[in-house]
């Protein structure tokens, strides 16, 4: 019994010894097989520097040399981008162009507005004809993948709907079965209408127009029973009709249309500058910073968030290649997000649109407007 026990222990010991040798051998091979360019003694500070390249924007440099921001806008959409009787550009998108010019150049009037059709807009961005496109443009995967642009954020949450004559006595879009529907060619509106009717097994006849203006004109001539576009565009179109009160927007929203600024692909720093300027205006509303009180709050506010936003402390602006008071300048150009909204498309405008999804995230009722932290 004793001899048998000893033999068993000896065998187990041999196995353990063999496994130990195998592990050591594998470990040695692992050391020998490591890539030759791996440096165990590399300076961590140098590695961190390599991982964080300099924040520099060729577009920003070009804008500063030129002394002017080239901003692509709609060729004429009431509430968003249009010229008044003095030839001055007005509207929701135009005000964001001015805010960006103020943030980058310190001058809200240093903007050249470039009116663009739907078919021209992305080529204008790619070619560098405009530095930013702020033109009621929906952020979609296909556009980022194929059009050579990057979206810097969302400044208006929209959705597509239908404008109809009250005389048709329609309560819902489902009653449009067999209707003629005016849409703009080669637009998300055209695709969304096709998807919506197909998904519900409804019939319709598309009346396809070359551009938005042509689609509105076709509806006004009664070439179609309904006009389909973003609801904000429908509200604008209704104001141009001879008897706006005789037309109604149906309750259905058939798509999601997140509208926002687009820039040329390849200049990440410029994308960030546009993004953070938009966020500065959104955050200003959340913090109660307005066009009128921005200068006072920069001097007197005890709130660290307000002080960082307005450049009273910290170096947020210089991180972007801008002045310390870049956000204050943007806010003073035309007000915070809420002021821009109300004046151009909200309750103080001819469009009289409710905030809806474009209310702040902490409002009652809540919306989707939510600023990224500036710190």
Protein backbone atom coordinates (compact mmCIF):
# COMPACT_ATOMS: atom_id res chain seq x y z
CA UNK A 1 0.00 0.00 0.00
CA UNK A 2 2.76 2.40 0.93
CA UNK A 3 4.81 1.68 -2.22
CA UNK A 4 1.71 2.15 -4.43
CA UNK A 5 1.03 5.56 -2.76
CA UNK A 6 4.55 6.74 -3.29
CA UNK A 7 4.42 5.74 -6.97
CA UNK A 8 1.23 7.67 -7.46
CA UNK A 9 2.80 10.81 -5.93
CA UNK A 10 5.83 10.45 -8.16
CA UNK A 11 3.66 10.24 -11.29
CA UNK A 12 1.63 13.30 -10.28
CA UNK A 13 4.83 15.20 -9.62
CA UNK A 14 6.11 14.35 -13.08
CA UNK A 15 2.91 15.65 -14.68
CA UNK A 16 3.08 18.91 -12.70
CA UNK A 17 6.71 19.38 -13.65
CA UNK A 18 5.87 18.81 -17.30
CA UNK A 19 3.01 21.32 -17.23
CA UNK A 20 5.20 23.90 -15.51
CA UNK A 21 7.83 23.53 -18.20
CA UNK A 22 5.20 23.89 -20.92
CA UNK A 23 3.83 27.11 -19.40
CA UNK A 24 7.30 28.60 -19.11
CA UNK A 25 8.08 27.61 -22.68
CA UNK A 26 4.88 29.25 -24.00
CA UNK A 27 5.58 32.38 -21.99
CA UNK A 28 9.09 32.55 -23.43
CA UNK A 29 7.73 32.14 -26.96
CA UNK A 30 5.23 34.94 -26.31
CA UNK A 31 8.09 37.26 -25.34
CA UNK A 32 10.14 36.33 -28.36
CA UNK A 33 7.16 36.74 -30.75
CA UNK A 34 6.21 40.29 -29.68
CA UNK A 35 6.33 42.89 -32.49
CA UNK A 36 9.73 44.49 -32.84
CA UNK A 37 8.30 48.02 -32.74
CA UNK A 38 6.83 47.67 -29.24
CA UNK A 39 8.84 49.79 -26.80
CA UNK A 40 8.31 48.85 -23.14
CA UNK A 41 10.11 51.97 -22.10
CA UNK A 42 8.09 54.43 -24.24
CA UNK A 43 7.35 57.76 -22.58
CA UNK A 44 3.63 57.81 -21.55
CA UNK A 45 3.53 61.57 -22.15
CA UNK A 46 4.77 61.06 -25.71
CA UNK A 47 2.16 58.35 -26.32
CA UNK A 48 -0.59 60.66 -25.02
CA UNK A 49 0.62 63.42 -27.34
CA UNK A 50 0.48 61.08 -30.30
CA UNK A 51 -3.09 60.12 -29.40
CA UNK A 52 -4.23 63.76 -29.26
CA UNK A 53 -3.24 65.62 -32.44
CA UNK A 54 -3.33 69.39 -32.56
CA UNK A 55 -6.80 70.92 -32.85
CA UNK A 56 -6.50 72.82 -36.12
CA UNK A 57 -9.06 73.62 -38.81
CA UNK A 58 -8.13 74.56 -42.40
CA UNK A 59 -11.67 75.89 -42.86
CA UNK A 60 -11.37 78.14 -39.81
CA UNK A 61 -8.05 79.43 -41.10
CA UNK A 62 -9.61 80.17 -44.50
CA UNK A 63 -12.59 81.97 -42.92
CA UNK A 64 -10.27 84.14 -40.81
CA UNK A 65 -8.09 85.02 -43.82
CA UNK A 66 -11.18 85.88 -45.84
CA UNK A 67 -12.78 87.81 -43.00
CA UNK A 68 -16.18 86.39 -43.89
CA UNK A 69 -18.23 83.23 -43.38
CA UNK A 70 -19.87 81.78 -46.48
CA UNK A 71 -23.14 80.25 -45.31
CA UNK A 72 -25.37 78.17 -47.59
CA UNK A 73 -29.09 78.79 -47.04
CA UNK A 74 -32.46 78.10 -48.63
CA UNK A 75 -33.18 80.28 -51.64
CA UNK A 76 -36.41 81.44 -50.01
CA UNK A 77 -38.36 79.78 -47.19
CA UNK A 78 -40.43 81.99 -44.91
CA UNK A 79 -39.33 81.67 -41.30
CA UNK A 80 -36.05 79.93 -42.13
CA UNK A 81 -34.16 81.86 -44.80
CA UNK A 82 -35.58 84.67 -46.91
CA UNK A 83 -34.89 88.31 -47.79
CA UNK A 84 -37.02 91.11 -46.39
CA UNK A 85 -38.15 94.21 -48.28
CA UNK A 86 -34.72 95.77 -47.73
CA UNK A 87 -32.91 92.74 -49.14
CA UNK A 88 -31.67 91.61 -45.71
CA UNK A 89 -31.54 87.90 -44.97
CA UNK A 90 -33.87 86.86 -42.18
CA UNK A 91 -34.99 83.62 -40.57
CA UNK A 92 -34.13 80.76 -38.23
CA UNK A 93 -31.25 79.42 -40.32
CA UNK A 94 -29.96 82.90 -41.17
CA UNK A 95 -29.69 83.72 -37.46
CA UNK A 96 -27.57 80.61 -36.85
CA UNK A 97 -25.27 81.73 -39.69
CA UNK A 98 -24.83 85.08 -37.96
CA UNK A 99 -24.20 83.42 -34.61
CA UNK A 100 -21.44 81.30 -36.14
CA UNK A 101 -19.86 84.34 -37.79
CA UNK A 102 -19.89 86.14 -34.44
CA UNK A 103 -18.30 83.16 -32.69
CA UNK A 104 -15.56 82.77 -35.30
CA UNK A 105 -14.92 86.34 -36.42
CA UNK A 106 -16.43 88.47 -33.66
CA UNK A 107 -18.78 90.08 -36.19
CA UNK A 108 -22.33 88.79 -36.75
CA UNK A 109 -22.55 90.70 -40.03
CA UNK A 110 -19.44 89.09 -41.54
CA UNK A 111 -21.59 86.60 -43.45
CA UNK A 112 -22.09 86.04 -47.14
CA UNK A 113 -25.40 84.24 -47.59
CA UNK A 114 -25.33 81.81 -50.51
CA UNK A 115 -28.85 80.74 -51.62
CA UNK A 116 -28.87 77.11 -52.77
CA UNK A 117 -31.42 74.78 -54.29
CA UNK A 118 -31.84 71.25 -52.97
CA UNK A 119 -29.80 69.85 -55.85
CA UNK A 120 -26.97 72.36 -55.38
CA UNK A 121 -26.47 72.24 -51.62
CA UNK A 122 -24.14 69.28 -51.10
CA UNK A 123 -21.91 70.07 -54.07
CA UNK A 124 -21.53 73.59 -52.68
CA UNK A 125 -20.26 72.14 -49.40
CA UNK A 126 -17.93 69.61 -51.06
CA UNK A 127 -16.40 72.19 -53.38
CA UNK A 128 -15.79 74.70 -50.59
CA UNK A 129 -18.17 77.24 -52.10
CA UNK A 130 -19.77 77.46 -48.65
CA UNK A 131 -18.15 76.87 -45.26
CA UNK A 132 -21.36 75.57 -43.71
CA UNK A 133 -24.77 74.58 -45.00
CA UNK A 134 -27.59 75.77 -42.76
CA UNK A 135 -30.51 74.99 -45.03
CA UNK A 136 -33.34 72.90 -43.52
CA UNK A 137 -31.45 69.71 -44.38
CA UNK A 138 -32.28 66.34 -42.81
CA UNK A 139 -29.44 64.34 -41.28
CA UNK A 140 -29.50 60.86 -42.83
CA UNK A 141 -27.08 57.96 -43.11
CA UNK A 142 -27.03 58.09 -46.91
CA UNK A 143 -26.11 61.76 -46.96
CA UNK A 144 -23.16 61.29 -44.62
CA UNK A 145 -21.99 58.17 -46.47
CA UNK A 146 -22.38 59.41 -50.05
CA UNK A 147 -22.54 63.21 -50.15
CA UNK A 148 -19.14 63.99 -48.63
CA UNK A 149 -20.56 65.94 -45.69
CA UNK A 150 -20.70 65.70 -41.92
CA UNK A 151 -23.59 66.95 -39.81
CA UNK A 152 -22.61 68.98 -36.75
CA UNK A 153 -25.86 68.60 -34.82
CA UNK A 154 -29.61 69.08 -34.89
CA UNK A 155 -31.15 72.51 -34.49
CA UNK A 156 -34.72 71.63 -35.49
CA UNK A 157 -36.62 68.37 -35.04
CA UNK A 158 -39.12 68.23 -37.86
CA UNK A 159 -41.32 65.64 -39.51
CA UNK A 160 -43.07 65.29 -42.83
CA UNK A 161 -46.79 65.88 -43.20
CA UNK A 162 -49.55 66.86 -45.64
CA UNK A 163 -51.09 70.24 -46.44
CA UNK A 164 -54.64 70.05 -47.82
CA UNK A 165 -57.57 72.34 -48.60
CA UNK A 166 -60.16 72.51 -45.86
CA UNK A 167 -62.81 72.17 -48.57
CA UNK A 168 -61.83 68.50 -48.97
CA UNK A 169 -63.02 67.91 -45.39
CA UNK A 170 -60.24 65.47 -44.55
CA UNK A 171 -59.59 64.49 -40.94
CA UNK A 172 -56.61 62.15 -41.42
CA UNK A 173 -54.00 61.31 -44.01
CA UNK A 174 -55.53 57.85 -44.37
CA UNK A 175 -58.34 59.53 -46.30
CA UNK A 176 -55.85 60.49 -49.04
CA UNK A 177 -56.27 57.09 -50.71
CA UNK A 178 -56.29 57.77 -54.46
CA UNK A 179 -55.20 61.39 -54.03
CA UNK A 180 -52.73 63.38 -56.11
CA UNK A 181 -49.76 64.40 -53.93
CA UNK A 182 -47.26 67.11 -54.84
CA UNK A 183 -43.66 66.40 -53.79
CA UNK A 184 -40.20 67.64 -54.66
CA UNK A 185 -38.11 65.43 -56.93
CA UNK A 186 -35.02 63.65 -55.53
CA UNK A 187 -35.84 64.53 -51.93
CA UNK A 188 -36.47 62.61 -48.74
CA UNK A 189 -40.05 63.88 -49.03
CA UNK A 190 -40.58 61.96 -52.27
CA UNK A 191 -39.19 58.75 -50.73
CA UNK A 192 -41.14 59.12 -47.48
CA UNK A 193 -44.47 59.56 -49.27
CA UNK A 194 -43.84 56.43 -51.34
CA UNK A 195 -42.95 54.43 -48.20
CA UNK A 196 -45.96 55.70 -46.24
CA UNK A 197 -48.58 54.87 -48.88
CA UNK A 198 -46.98 51.52 -49.70
CA UNK A 199 -46.80 50.45 -46.05
CA UNK A 200 -50.56 51.08 -45.68
CA UNK A 201 -51.64 49.57 -48.97
CA UNK A 202 -52.99 52.92 -50.18
CA UNK A 203 -52.95 54.27 -53.71
CA UNK A 204 -51.80 57.75 -54.72
CA UNK A 205 -50.55 59.64 -57.76
CA UNK A 206 -47.27 61.51 -57.23
CA UNK A 207 -47.07 64.94 -58.83
CA UNK A 208 -43.31 65.41 -58.85
CA UNK A 209 -41.93 68.96 -59.09
CA UNK A 210 -38.36 70.04 -59.79
CA UNK A 211 -37.99 71.96 -56.52
CA UNK A 212 -39.88 73.18 -53.47
CA UNK A 213 -41.09 76.35 -55.12
CA UNK A 214 -42.47 74.40 -58.07
CA UNK A 215 -44.22 71.96 -55.73
CA UNK A 216 -45.85 74.85 -53.84
CA UNK A 217 -46.93 76.45 -57.11
CA UNK A 218 -48.45 73.18 -58.34
CA UNK A 219 -50.46 72.90 -55.13
CA UNK A 220 -51.62 76.51 -55.43
CA UNK A 221 -52.83 75.78 -58.99
CA UNK A 222 -54.73 72.75 -57.64
CA UNK A 223 -52.66 70.37 -59.75
CA UNK A 224 -52.71 68.11 -56.70
CA UNK A 225 -54.91 67.44 -53.68
CA UNK A 226 -52.15 67.57 -51.09
CA UNK A 227 -48.66 68.97 -50.71
CA UNK A 228 -46.20 66.83 -48.74
CA UNK A 229 -43.03 68.23 -47.18
CA UNK A 230 -41.54 68.95 -43.77
CA UNK A 231 -44.22 70.41 -41.52
CA UNK A 232 -42.17 73.57 -41.02
CA UNK A 233 -42.03 74.00 -44.81
CA UNK A 234 -45.77 73.38 -45.06
CA UNK A 235 -46.41 76.08 -42.47
CA UNK A 236 -44.24 78.44 -44.51
CA UNK A 237 -45.98 77.48 -47.75
CA UNK A 238 -49.40 78.13 -46.23
CA UNK A 239 -48.46 81.75 -45.45
CA UNK A 240 -47.78 82.37 -49.16
CA UNK A 241 -51.21 81.19 -50.34
CA UNK A 242 -53.92 83.72 -51.15
CA UNK A 243 -56.19 82.47 -48.35
CA UNK A 244 -54.01 80.68 -45.75
CA UNK A 245 -56.95 79.97 -43.44
CA UNK A 246 -58.51 77.76 -46.11
CA UNK A 247 -55.68 75.23 -45.81
CA UNK A 248 -54.82 72.82 -43.00
CA UNK A 249 -51.93 70.57 -42.06
CA UNK A 250 -53.17 67.06 -41.30
CA UNK A 251 -52.25 65.59 -37.89
CA UNK A 252 -50.12 62.68 -39.12
CA UNK A 253 -46.34 63.00 -39.02
CA UNK A 254 -45.01 60.38 -41.42
CA UNK A 255 -41.25 60.69 -40.87
CA UNK A 256 -38.46 61.93 -38.63
CA UNK A 257 -36.58 64.88 -40.09
CA UNK A 258 -33.70 66.04 -37.86
CA UNK A 259 -32.53 69.27 -39.48
CA UNK A 260 -29.08 70.65 -38.86
CA UNK A 261 -25.89 72.23 -40.21
CA UNK A 262 -23.63 70.29 -42.55
CA UNK A 263 -19.95 70.84 -43.33
CA UNK A 264 -17.39 69.28 -45.65
CA UNK A 265 -16.02 65.89 -44.64
CA UNK A 266 -12.38 65.86 -43.57
CA UNK A 267 -12.16 68.89 -41.27
CA UNK A 268 -13.08 67.47 -37.88
CA UNK A 269 -12.06 70.61 -36.02
CA UNK A 270 -14.44 72.77 -38.09
CA UNK A 271 -17.23 70.28 -37.48
CA UNK A 272 -16.59 70.69 -33.75
CA UNK A 273 -16.63 74.49 -33.96
CA UNK A 274 -20.03 74.48 -35.68
CA UNK A 275 -21.34 71.84 -33.24
CA UNK A 276 -20.25 73.72 -30.12
CA UNK A 277 -21.56 77.06 -31.37
CA UNK A 278 -24.97 75.46 -31.81
CA UNK A 279 -24.70 73.89 -28.36
CA UNK A 280 -23.70 77.21 -26.82
CA UNK A 281 -26.98 78.76 -27.99
CA UNK A 282 -28.96 75.79 -26.66
CA UNK A 283 -27.17 75.87 -23.31
CA UNK A 284 -27.68 79.62 -23.06
CA UNK A 285 -31.44 79.16 -23.10
CA UNK A 286 -31.21 76.42 -20.46
CA UNK A 287 -29.12 78.68 -18.20
CA UNK A 288 -31.23 81.79 -18.76
CA UNK A 289 -28.56 83.66 -20.72
CA UNK A 290 -30.15 86.01 -23.28
CA UNK A 291 -29.05 88.51 -25.85
CA UNK A 292 -29.80 91.32 -23.41
CA UNK A 293 -28.21 89.95 -20.22
CA UNK A 294 -25.16 88.11 -21.60
CA UNK A 295 -22.73 90.97 -20.95
CA UNK A 296 -24.05 91.52 -17.41
CA UNK A 297 -23.91 87.83 -16.52
CA UNK A 298 -20.35 87.58 -17.84
CA UNK A 299 -19.42 90.14 -15.19
CA UNK A 300 -21.64 89.21 -12.25
CA UNK A 301 -22.91 85.62 -12.47
CA UNK A 302 -21.71 83.31 -9.65
CA UNK A 303 -22.77 80.23 -11.68
CA UNK A 304 -19.62 78.42 -12.94
CA UNK A 305 -21.52 77.03 -15.95
CA UNK A 306 -22.57 80.52 -17.00
CA UNK A 307 -19.08 81.89 -16.45
CA UNK A 308 -17.48 79.15 -18.55
CA UNK A 309 -20.07 79.64 -21.31
CA UNK A 310 -19.47 83.39 -21.47
CA UNK A 311 -15.68 83.19 -21.22
CA UNK A 312 -15.44 84.76 -17.78
CA UNK A 313 -13.36 81.81 -16.63
CA UNK A 314 -11.62 78.87 -18.23
CA UNK A 315 -10.16 78.59 -21.72
CA UNK A 316 -12.95 76.86 -23.63
CA UNK A 317 -12.77 79.20 -26.63
CA UNK A 318 -9.00 78.90 -27.16
CA UNK A 319 -9.38 75.10 -27.16
CA UNK A 320 -11.39 75.58 -30.37
CA UNK A 321 -9.03 78.18 -31.81
CA UNK A 322 -11.50 80.96 -30.91
CA UNK A 323 -11.56 83.87 -28.47
CA UNK A 324 -12.55 83.33 -24.85
CA UNK A 325 -15.84 85.20 -25.38
CA UNK A 326 -16.80 83.30 -28.57
CA UNK A 327 -20.06 81.97 -27.10
CA UNK A 328 -21.04 85.35 -25.65
CA UNK A 329 -20.58 86.88 -29.11
CA UNK A 330 -22.74 84.15 -30.67
CA UNK A 331 -25.52 84.73 -28.12
CA UNK A 332 -25.40 88.51 -28.55
CA UNK A 333 -25.71 88.12 -32.32
CA UNK A 334 -29.35 87.05 -32.19
CA UNK A 335 -30.15 85.59 -28.79
CA UNK A 336 -30.21 82.09 -27.36
CA UNK A 337 -31.90 79.14 -29.06
CA UNK A 338 -35.33 79.98 -27.62
CA UNK A 339 -35.11 83.61 -28.74
CA UNK A 340 -34.15 82.57 -32.27
CA UNK A 341 -36.97 80.03 -32.40
CA UNK A 342 -39.69 82.31 -31.06
CA UNK A 343 -38.81 85.25 -33.30
CA UNK A 344 -38.58 83.31 -36.56
CA UNK A 345 -40.88 80.28 -36.42
CA UNK A 346 -42.56 80.30 -33.01
CA UNK A 347 -45.30 82.26 -31.32
CA UNK A 348 -43.82 85.65 -32.24
CA UNK A 349 -43.72 84.79 -35.96
CA UNK A 350 -46.18 84.41 -38.82
CA UNK A 351 -45.63 80.62 -38.76
CA UNK A 352 -46.78 80.43 -35.12
CA UNK A 353 -45.34 76.93 -34.60
CA UNK A 354 -45.33 75.44 -31.10
CA UNK A 355 -42.04 74.29 -29.61
CA UNK A 356 -43.14 70.64 -29.52
CA UNK A 357 -40.09 68.41 -29.92
CA UNK A 358 -37.98 71.56 -30.08
CA UNK A 359 -38.64 72.43 -26.45
CA UNK A 360 -35.80 72.06 -23.96
CA UNK A 361 -35.34 68.63 -22.41
CA UNK A 362 -36.34 69.96 -18.97
CA UNK A 363 -39.35 72.01 -20.12
CA UNK A 364 -43.00 71.16 -19.47
CA UNK A 365 -43.88 69.41 -21.68
CA UNK A 366 -40.41 68.04 -22.40
CA UNK A 367 -38.73 68.32 -25.77
CA UNK A 368 -35.59 66.93 -27.41
CA UNK A 369 -33.40 70.03 -27.28
CA UNK A 370 -30.49 69.09 -25.02
CA UNK A 371 -27.14 70.86 -24.88
CA UNK A 372 -23.89 68.96 -24.59
CA UNK A 373 -21.84 70.03 -21.55
CA UNK A 374 -19.46 72.93 -22.12
CA UNK A 375 -16.68 72.41 -19.60
